[in-house]
Amino acid sequence: MATNDGVATLKPWETVDFPHFVGVRHRSGAWSTVILKPSGQEIDVASLGGRRVVLHGNGIEFLPPLPPGDGQTLTLPGTPPEDA
């Protein structure tokens, strides 16, 4: 976290409730954690070696990483840009 005059810059996180799990993501759309219901088991999806993760009401999809230099970005509908 960058600091400015001793004040930490906080990242905006949000939780999204699905029928079988709760997803935690950065406001930019990058998922970081999935918490399974009802056990509370956590899956750290941010450390999957570059694999893309898509969460939806039917479950969790683990997609292969984009090829290097592809230039494609994964954006979610209704998600504001990161620097907004």
PDB file of N, CA and C in Angstrom:
ATOM      1  N   MET A   1       0.825  -1.181   0.000  1.00  0.00           N
ATOM      2  CA  MET A   1       0.000   0.000   0.000  1.00  0.00           C
ATOM      3  C   MET A   1       0.872   1.249   0.000  1.00  0.00           C
ATOM      4  N   ALA A   2       0.572   2.145  -0.869  1.00  0.00           N
ATOM      5  CA  ALA A   2       1.292   3.404  -0.908  1.00  0.00           C
ATOM      6  C   ALA A   2       0.773   4.308   0.207  1.00  0.00           C
ATOM      7  N   THR A   3       1.685   5.071   0.776  1.00  0.00           N
ATOM      8  CA  THR A   3       1.254   5.994   1.823  1.00  0.00           C
ATOM      9  C   THR A   3       1.542   7.411   1.397  1.00  0.00           C
ATOM     10  N   ASN A   4       0.718   8.312   1.858  1.00  0.00           N
ATOM     11  CA  ASN A   4       0.869   9.723   1.578  1.00  0.00           C
ATOM     12  C   ASN A   4       0.722  10.450   2.910  1.00  0.00           C
ATOM     13  N   ASP A   5       1.815  10.975   3.425  1.00  0.00           N
ATOM     14  CA  ASP A   5       1.809  11.659   4.723  1.00  0.00           C
ATOM     15  C   ASP A   5       1.282  10.762   5.834  1.00  0.00           C
ATOM     16  N   GLY A   6       1.672   9.487   5.806  1.00  0.00           N
ATOM     17  CA  GLY A   6       1.287   8.569   6.865  1.00  0.00           C
ATOM     18  C   GLY A   6      -0.114   8.001   6.738  1.00  0.00           C
ATOM     19  N   VAL A   7      -0.809   8.289   5.649  1.00  0.00           N
ATOM     20  CA  VAL A   7      -2.165   7.775   5.439  1.00  0.00           C
ATOM     21  C   VAL A   7      -2.101   6.685   4.364  1.00  0.00           C
ATOM     22  N   ALA A   8      -2.603   5.506   4.687  1.00  0.00           N
ATOM     23  CA  ALA A   8      -2.562   4.388   3.751  1.00  0.00           C
ATOM     24  C   ALA A   8      -3.653   4.530   2.704  1.00  0.00           C
ATOM     25  N   THR A   9      -3.330   4.169   1.468  1.00  0.00           N
ATOM     26  CA  THR A   9      -4.306   4.141   0.397  1.00  0.00           C
ATOM     27  C   THR A   9      -4.978   2.776   0.413  1.00  0.00           C
ATOM     28  N   LEU A  10      -6.276   2.743   0.606  1.00  0.00           N
ATOM     29  CA  LEU A  10      -7.011   1.488   0.681  1.00  0.00           C
ATOM     30  C   LEU A  10      -7.544   1.106  -0.691  1.00  0.00           C
ATOM     31  N   LYS A  11      -7.511  -0.191  -0.982  1.00  0.00           N
ATOM     32  CA  LYS A  11      -8.060  -0.681  -2.236  1.00  0.00           C
ATOM     33  C   LYS A  11      -9.544  -0.986  -2.038  1.00  0.00           C
ATOM     34  N   PRO A  12     -10.359  -0.634  -3.000  1.00  0.00           N
ATOM     35  CA  PRO A  12     -11.791  -0.891  -2.874  1.00  0.00           C
ATOM     36  C   PRO A  12     -12.135  -2.353  -3.162  1.00  0.00           C
ATOM     37  N   TRP A  13     -12.562  -3.079  -2.162  1.00  0.00           N
ATOM     38  CA  TRP A  13     -12.943  -4.480  -2.313  1.00  0.00           C
ATOM     39  C   TRP A  13     -14.446  -4.597  -2.199  1.00  0.00           C
ATOM     40  N   GLU A  14     -15.004  -5.616  -2.827  1.00  0.00           N
ATOM     41  CA  GLU A  14     -16.428  -5.863  -2.720  1.00  0.00           C
ATOM     42  C   GLU A  14     -16.682  -7.362  -2.661  1.00  0.00           C
ATOM     43  N   THR A  15     -17.795  -7.740  -2.048  1.00  0.00           N
ATOM     44  CA  THR A  15     -18.196  -9.142  -2.011  1.00  0.00           C
ATOM     45  C   THR A  15     -19.442  -9.307  -2.867  1.00  0.00           C
ATOM     46  N   VAL A  16     -19.525 -10.452  -3.530  1.00  0.00           N
ATOM     47  CA  VAL A  16     -20.674 -10.771  -4.365  1.00  0.00           C
ATOM     48  C   VAL A  16     -21.209 -12.115  -3.874  1.00  0.00           C
ATOM     49  N   ASP A  17     -22.477 -12.133  -3.498  1.00  0.00           N
ATOM     50  CA  ASP A  17     -23.097 -13.330  -2.932  1.00  0.00           C
ATOM     51  C   ASP A  17     -23.714 -14.172  -4.042  1.00  0.00           C
ATOM     52  N   PHE A  18     -23.253 -15.420  -4.156  1.00  0.00           N
ATOM     53  CA  PHE A  18     -23.794 -16.391  -5.107  1.00  0.00           C
ATOM     54  C   PHE A  18     -24.506 -17.484  -4.306  1.00  0.00           C
ATOM     55  N   PRO A  19     -25.320 -18.325  -4.939  1.00  0.00           N
ATOM     56  CA  PRO A  19     -26.055 -19.349  -4.190  1.00  0.00           C
ATOM     57  C   PRO A  19     -25.173 -20.313  -3.396  1.00  0.00           C
ATOM     58  N   HIS A  20     -23.978 -20.681  -3.909  1.00  0.00           N
ATOM     59  CA  HIS A  20     -23.162 -21.695  -3.250  1.00  0.00           C
ATOM     60  C   HIS A  20     -21.831 -21.167  -2.725  1.00  0.00           C
ATOM     61  N   PHE A  21     -21.553 -19.890  -2.925  1.00  0.00           N
ATOM     62  CA  PHE A  21     -20.287 -19.320  -2.471  1.00  0.00           C
ATOM     63  C   PHE A  21     -20.390 -17.799  -2.469  1.00  0.00           C
ATOM     64  N   VAL A  22     -19.391 -17.156  -1.875  1.00  0.00           N
ATOM     65  CA  VAL A  22     -19.260 -15.699  -1.887  1.00  0.00           C
ATOM     66  C   VAL A  22     -17.939 -15.388  -2.566  1.00  0.00           C
ATOM     67  N   GLY A  23     -17.962 -14.478  -3.534  1.00  0.00           N
ATOM     68  CA  GLY A  23     -16.748 -14.072  -4.230  1.00  0.00           C
ATOM     69  C   GLY A  23     -16.269 -12.724  -3.716  1.00  0.00           C
ATOM     70  N   VAL A  24     -14.967 -12.591  -3.528  1.00  0.00           N
ATOM     71  CA  VAL A  24     -14.359 -11.330  -3.100  1.00  0.00           C
ATOM     72  C   VAL A  24     -13.488 -10.856  -4.250  1.00  0.00           C
ATOM     73  N   ARG A  25     -13.685  -9.596  -4.659  1.00  0.00           N
ATOM     74  CA  ARG A  25     -12.918  -9.067  -5.790  1.00  0.00           C
ATOM     75  C   ARG A  25     -12.576  -7.605  -5.580  1.00  0.00           C
ATOM     76  N   HIS A  26     -11.560  -7.188  -6.314  1.00  0.00           N
ATOM     77  CA  HIS A  26     -11.214  -5.779  -6.366  1.00  0.00           C
ATOM     78  C   HIS A  26     -12.242  -5.083  -7.248  1.00  0.00           C
ATOM     79  N   ARG A  27     -12.457  -3.825  -7.022  1.00  0.00           N
ATOM     80  CA  ARG A  27     -13.460  -3.089  -7.807  1.00  0.00           C
ATOM     81  C   ARG A  27     -13.199  -3.187  -9.303  1.00  0.00           C
ATOM     82  N   SER A  28     -11.948  -3.376  -9.715  1.00  0.00           N
ATOM     83  CA  SER A  28     -11.620  -3.484 -11.138  1.00  0.00           C
ATOM     84  C   SER A  28     -12.119  -4.785 -11.753  1.00  0.00           C
ATOM     85  N   GLY A  29     -12.519  -5.750 -10.918  1.00  0.00           N
ATOM     86  CA  GLY A  29     -13.063  -6.995 -11.429  1.00  0.00           C
ATOM     87  C   GLY A  29     -12.194  -8.209 -11.222  1.00  0.00           C
ATOM     88  N   ALA A  30     -10.987  -8.051 -10.674  1.00  0.00           N
ATOM     89  CA  ALA A  30     -10.102  -9.182 -10.454  1.00  0.00           C
ATOM     90  C   ALA A  30     -10.510  -9.927  -9.179  1.00  0.00           C
ATOM     91  N   TRP A  31     -10.957 -11.190  -9.325  1.00  0.00           N
ATOM     92  CA  TRP A  31     -11.365 -11.996  -8.180  1.00  0.00           C
ATOM     93  C   TRP A  31     -10.142 -12.367  -7.366  1.00  0.00           C
ATOM     94  N   SER A  32     -10.275 -12.340  -6.044  1.00  0.00           N
ATOM     95  CA  SER A  32      -9.152 -12.722  -5.194  1.00  0.00           C
ATOM     96  C   SER A  32      -9.447 -13.972  -4.377  1.00  0.00           C
ATOM     97  N   THR A  33     -10.668 -14.099  -3.862  1.00  0.00           N
ATOM     98  CA  THR A  33     -11.000 -15.205  -2.971  1.00  0.00           C
ATOM     99  C   THR A  33     -12.425 -15.678  -3.231  1.00  0.00           C
ATOM    100  N   VAL A  34     -12.625 -16.986  -3.076  1.00  0.00           N
ATOM    101  CA  VAL A  34     -13.964 -17.574  -3.106  1.00  0.00           C
ATOM    102  C   VAL A  34     -14.165 -18.265  -1.763  1.00  0.00           C
ATOM    103  N   ILE A  35     -15.279 -17.990  -1.099  1.00  0.00           N
ATOM    104  CA  ILE A  35     -15.601 -18.603   0.187  1.00  0.00           C
ATOM    105  C   ILE A  35     -16.813 -19.497  -0.023  1.00  0.00           C
ATOM    106  N   LEU A  36     -16.623 -20.809   0.161  1.00  0.00           N
ATOM    107  CA  LEU A  36     -17.683 -21.778  -0.095  1.00  0.00           C
ATOM    108  C   LEU A  36     -18.704 -21.786   1.039  1.00  0.00           C
ATOM    109  N   LYS A  37     -19.959 -21.992   0.679  1.00  0.00           N
ATOM    110  CA  LYS A  37     -21.043 -22.105   1.656  1.00  0.00           C
ATOM    111  C   LYS A  37     -21.391 -23.571   1.844  1.00  0.00           C
ATOM    112  N   PRO A  38     -21.768 -24.084   2.935  1.00  0.00           N
ATOM    113  CA  PRO A  38     -21.813 -23.468   4.259  1.00  0.00           C
ATOM    114  C   PRO A  38     -20.533 -23.685   5.043  1.00  0.00           C
ATOM    115  N   SER A  39     -19.525 -24.355   4.475  1.00  0.00           N
ATOM    116  CA  SER A  39     -18.329 -24.718   5.243  1.00  0.00           C
ATOM    117  C   SER A  39     -17.415 -23.535   5.559  1.00  0.00           C
ATOM    118  N   GLY A  40     -17.430 -22.500   4.721  1.00  0.00           N
ATOM    119  CA  GLY A  40     -16.542 -21.362   4.931  1.00  0.00           C
ATOM    120  C   GLY A  40     -15.140 -21.588   4.393  1.00  0.00           C
ATOM    121  N   GLN A  41     -14.918 -22.686   3.668  1.00  0.00           N
ATOM    122  CA  GLN A  41     -13.602 -22.952   3.101  1.00  0.00           C
ATOM    123  C   GLN A  41     -13.253 -21.872   2.080  1.00  0.00           C
ATOM    124  N   GLU A  42     -12.023 -21.367   2.150  1.00  0.00           N
ATOM    125  CA  GLU A  42     -11.576 -20.305   1.254  1.00  0.00           C
ATOM    126  C   GLU A  42     -10.691 -20.870   0.145  1.00  0.00           C
ATOM    127  N   ILE A  43     -10.903 -20.361  -1.070  1.00  0.00           N
ATOM    128  CA  ILE A  43     -10.061 -20.697  -2.214  1.00  0.00           C
ATOM    129  C   ILE A  43      -9.413 -19.403  -2.685  1.00  0.00           C
ATOM    130  N   ASP A  44      -8.091 -19.360  -2.670  1.00  0.00           N
ATOM    131  CA  ASP A  44      -7.353 -18.178  -3.114  1.00  0.00           C
ATOM    132  C   ASP A  44      -7.200 -18.258  -4.630  1.00  0.00           C
ATOM    133  N   VAL A  45      -8.111 -17.627  -5.358  1.00  0.00           N
ATOM    134  CA  VAL A  45      -8.097 -17.707  -6.818  1.00  0.00           C
ATOM    135  C   VAL A  45      -7.132 -16.702  -7.443  1.00  0.00           C
ATOM    136  N   ALA A  46      -6.591 -15.782  -6.634  1.00  0.00           N
ATOM    137  CA  ALA A  46      -5.630 -14.811  -7.155  1.00  0.00           C
ATOM    138  C   ALA A  46      -4.269 -15.446  -7.392  1.00  0.00           C
ATOM    139  N   SER A  47      -3.999 -16.580  -6.765  1.00  0.00           N
ATOM    140  CA  SER A  47      -2.677 -17.200  -6.889  1.00  0.00           C
ATOM    141  C   SER A  47      -2.725 -18.492  -7.705  1.00  0.00           C
ATOM    142  N   LEU A  48      -3.490 -18.498  -8.777  1.00  0.00           N
ATOM    143  CA  LEU A  48      -3.626 -19.690  -9.610  1.00  0.00           C
ATOM    144  C   LEU A  48      -2.698 -19.680 -10.809  1.00  0.00           C
ATOM    145  N   GLY A  49      -1.625 -18.946 -10.741  1.00  0.00           N
ATOM    146  CA  GLY A  49      -0.653 -18.952 -11.831  1.00  0.00           C
ATOM    147  C   GLY A  49      -1.154 -18.293 -13.100  1.00  0.00           C
ATOM    148  N   GLY A  50      -1.905 -17.221 -12.991  1.00  0.00           N
ATOM    149  CA  GLY A  50      -2.376 -16.498 -14.158  1.00  0.00           C
ATOM    150  C   GLY A  50      -3.670 -17.008 -14.759  1.00  0.00           C
ATOM    151  N   ARG A  51      -4.235 -18.067 -14.199  1.00  0.00           N
ATOM    152  CA  ARG A  51      -5.507 -18.572 -14.726  1.00  0.00           C
ATOM    153  C   ARG A  51      -6.607 -17.550 -14.478  1.00  0.00           C
ATOM    154  N   ARG A  52      -7.501 -17.439 -15.435  1.00  0.00           N
ATOM    155  CA  ARG A  52      -8.644 -16.550 -15.289  1.00  0.00           C
ATOM    156  C   ARG A  52      -9.775 -17.295 -14.590  1.00  0.00           C
ATOM    157  N   VAL A  53     -10.538 -16.592 -13.786  1.00  0.00           N
ATOM    158  CA  VAL A  53     -11.631 -17.186 -13.037  1.00  0.00           C
ATOM    159  C   VAL A  53     -12.909 -16.421 -13.369  1.00  0.00           C
ATOM    160  N   VAL A  54     -13.969 -17.167 -13.697  1.00  0.00           N
ATOM    161  CA  VAL A  54     -15.282 -16.573 -13.953  1.00  0.00           C
ATOM    162  C   VAL A  54     -16.242 -17.165 -12.935  1.00  0.00           C
ATOM    163  N   LEU A  55     -16.891 -16.293 -12.165  1.00  0.00           N
ATOM    164  CA  LEU A  55     -17.860 -16.739 -11.166  1.00  0.00           C
ATOM    165  C   LEU A  55     -19.255 -16.366 -11.647  1.00  0.00           C
ATOM    166  N   HIS A  56     -20.191 -17.284 -11.496  1.00  0.00           N
ATOM    167  CA  HIS A  56     -21.586 -17.003 -11.841  1.00  0.00           C
ATOM    168  C   HIS A  56     -22.478 -17.927 -11.033  1.00  0.00           C
ATOM    169  N   GLY A  57     -23.769 -17.784 -11.164  1.00  0.00           N
ATOM    170  CA  GLY A  57     -24.732 -18.535 -10.371  1.00  0.00           C
ATOM    171  C   GLY A  57     -24.631 -20.038 -10.516  1.00  0.00           C
ATOM    172  N   ASN A  58     -24.094 -20.527 -11.621  1.00  0.00           N
ATOM    173  CA  ASN A  58     -23.979 -21.969 -11.836  1.00  0.00           C
ATOM    174  C   ASN A  58     -22.687 -22.554 -11.294  1.00  0.00           C
ATOM    175  N   GLY A  59     -21.741 -21.734 -10.904  1.00  0.00           N
ATOM    176  CA  GLY A  59     -20.498 -22.260 -10.358  1.00  0.00           C
ATOM    177  C   GLY A  59     -19.295 -21.402 -10.678  1.00  0.00           C
ATOM    178  N   ILE A  60     -18.127 -22.039 -10.645  1.00  0.00           N
ATOM    179  CA  ILE A  60     -16.846 -21.375 -10.850  1.00  0.00           C
ATOM    180  C   ILE A  60     -16.188 -21.979 -12.092  1.00  0.00           C
ATOM    181  N   GLU A  61     -15.739 -21.133 -13.003  1.00  0.00           N
ATOM    182  CA  GLU A  61     -15.025 -21.601 -14.192  1.00  0.00           C
ATOM    183  C   GLU A  61     -13.569 -21.165 -14.087  1.00  0.00           C
ATOM    184  N   PHE A  62     -12.667 -22.131 -14.255  1.00  0.00           N
ATOM    185  CA  PHE A  62     -11.237 -21.855 -14.281  1.00  0.00           C
ATOM    186  C   PHE A  62     -10.788 -21.933 -15.728  1.00  0.00           C
ATOM    187  N   LEU A  63     -10.415 -20.788 -16.296  1.00  0.00           N
ATOM    188  CA  LEU A  63     -10.028 -20.696 -17.701  1.00  0.00           C
ATOM    189  C   LEU A  63      -8.514 -20.603 -17.820  1.00  0.00           C
ATOM    190  N   PRO A  64      -7.958 -21.055 -18.946  1.00  0.00           N
ATOM    191  CA  PRO A  64      -6.505 -20.932 -19.121  1.00  0.00           C
ATOM    192  C   PRO A  64      -6.110 -19.465 -19.237  1.00  0.00           C
ATOM    193  N   PRO A  65      -4.852 -19.161 -18.920  1.00  0.00           N
ATOM    194  CA  PRO A  65      -4.397 -17.769 -19.046  1.00  0.00           C
ATOM    195  C   PRO A  65      -4.393 -17.318 -20.503  1.00  0.00           C
ATOM    196  N   LEU A  66      -4.505 -16.022 -20.703  1.00  0.00           N
ATOM    197  CA  LEU A  66      -4.408 -15.465 -22.056  1.00  0.00           C
ATOM    198  C   LEU A  66      -2.974 -15.600 -22.545  1.00  0.00           C
ATOM    199  N   PRO A  67      -2.778 -15.820 -23.843  1.00  0.00           N
ATOM    200  CA  PRO A  67      -1.408 -15.879 -24.370  1.00  0.00           C
ATOM    201  C   PRO A  67      -0.693 -14.550 -24.141  1.00  0.00           C
ATOM    202  N   PRO A  68       0.620 -14.583 -23.933  1.00  0.00           N
ATOM    203  CA  PRO A  68       1.357 -13.332 -23.708  1.00  0.00           C
ATOM    204  C   PRO A  68       1.211 -12.388 -24.897  1.00  0.00           C
ATOM    205  N   GLY A  69       1.039 -11.116 -24.589  1.00  0.00           N
ATOM    206  CA  GLY A  69       0.936 -10.112 -25.637  1.00  0.00           C
ATOM    207  C   GLY A  69      -0.381 -10.114 -26.368  1.00  0.00           C
ATOM    208  N   ASP A  70      -1.386 -10.822 -25.842  1.00  0.00           N
ATOM    209  CA  ASP A  70      -2.683 -10.899 -26.511  1.00  0.00           C
ATOM    210  C   ASP A  70      -3.385  -9.541 -26.481  1.00  0.00           C
ATOM    211  N   GLY A  71      -3.153  -8.777 -25.404  1.00  0.00           N
ATOM    212  CA  GLY A  71      -3.757  -7.461 -25.309  1.00  0.00           C
ATOM    213  C   GLY A  71      -5.200  -7.468 -24.888  1.00  0.00           C
ATOM    214  N   GLN A  72      -5.784  -8.630 -24.678  1.00  0.00           N
ATOM    215  CA  GLN A  72      -7.180  -8.690 -24.249  1.00  0.00           C
ATOM    216  C   GLN A  72      -7.255  -8.517 -22.744  1.00  0.00           C
ATOM    217  N   THR A  73      -8.298  -7.866 -22.291  1.00  0.00           N
ATOM    218  CA  THR A  73      -8.539  -7.726 -20.867  1.00  0.00           C
ATOM    219  C   THR A  73      -9.922  -8.253 -20.562  1.00  0.00           C
ATOM    220  N   LEU A  74     -10.077  -8.776 -19.378  1.00  0.00           N
ATOM    221  CA  LEU A  74     -11.359  -9.299 -18.941  1.00  0.00           C
ATOM    222  C   LEU A  74     -12.066  -8.221 -18.148  1.00  0.00           C
ATOM    223  N   THR A  75     -13.166  -7.685 -18.681  1.00  0.00           N
ATOM    224  CA  THR A  75     -13.928  -6.665 -17.973  1.00  0.00           C
ATOM    225  C   THR A  75     -15.318  -7.201 -17.683  1.00  0.00           C
ATOM    226  N   LEU A  76     -15.851  -6.786 -16.584  1.00  0.00           N
ATOM    227  CA  LEU A  76     -17.174  -7.215 -16.173  1.00  0.00           C
ATOM    228  C   LEU A  76     -18.170  -6.106 -16.460  1.00  0.00           C
ATOM    229  N   PRO A  77     -19.388  -6.455 -16.872  1.00  0.00           N
ATOM    230  CA  PRO A  77     -20.386  -5.420 -17.141  1.00  0.00           C
ATOM    231  C   PRO A  77     -20.665  -4.603 -15.884  1.00  0.00           C
ATOM    232  N   GLY A  78     -20.760  -3.306 -16.051  1.00  0.00           N
ATOM    233  CA  GLY A  78     -21.079  -2.420 -14.934  1.00  0.00           C
ATOM    234  C   GLY A  78     -19.915  -2.159 -13.995  1.00  0.00           C
ATOM    235  N   THR A  79     -18.695  -2.580 -14.358  1.00  0.00           N
ATOM    236  CA  THR A  79     -17.533  -2.366 -13.519  1.00  0.00           C
ATOM    237  C   THR A  79     -16.825  -1.101 -13.977  1.00  0.00           C
ATOM    238  N   PRO A  80     -16.634  -0.123 -13.060  1.00  0.00           N
ATOM    239  CA  PRO A  80     -15.950   1.111 -13.452  1.00  0.00           C
ATOM    240  C   PRO A  80     -14.469   0.856 -13.664  1.00  0.00           C
ATOM    241  N   PRO A  81     -13.799   1.697 -14.449  1.00  0.00           N
ATOM    242  CA  PRO A  81     -12.345   1.550 -14.638  1.00  0.00           C
ATOM    243  C   PRO A  81     -11.628   1.676 -13.295  1.00  0.00           C
ATOM    244  N   GLU A  82     -10.444   1.072 -13.193  1.00  0.00           N
ATOM    245  CA  GLU A  82      -9.722   1.032 -11.935  1.00  0.00           C
ATOM    246  C   GLU A  82      -9.326   2.409 -11.435  1.00  0.00           C
ATOM    247  N   ASP A  83      -8.959   3.326 -12.336  1.00  0.00           N
ATOM    248  CA  ASP A  83      -8.494   4.648 -11.900  1.00  0.00           C
ATOM    249  C   ASP A  83      -9.628   5.673 -11.840  1.00  0.00           C
ATOM    250  N   ALA A  84     -10.882   5.220 -11.874  1.00  0.00           N
ATOM    251  CA  ALA A  84     -12.009   6.162 -11.797  1.00  0.00           C
ATOM    252  C   ALA A  84     -12.262   6.573 -10.371  1.00  0.00           C
TER     253      ALA A  84
END
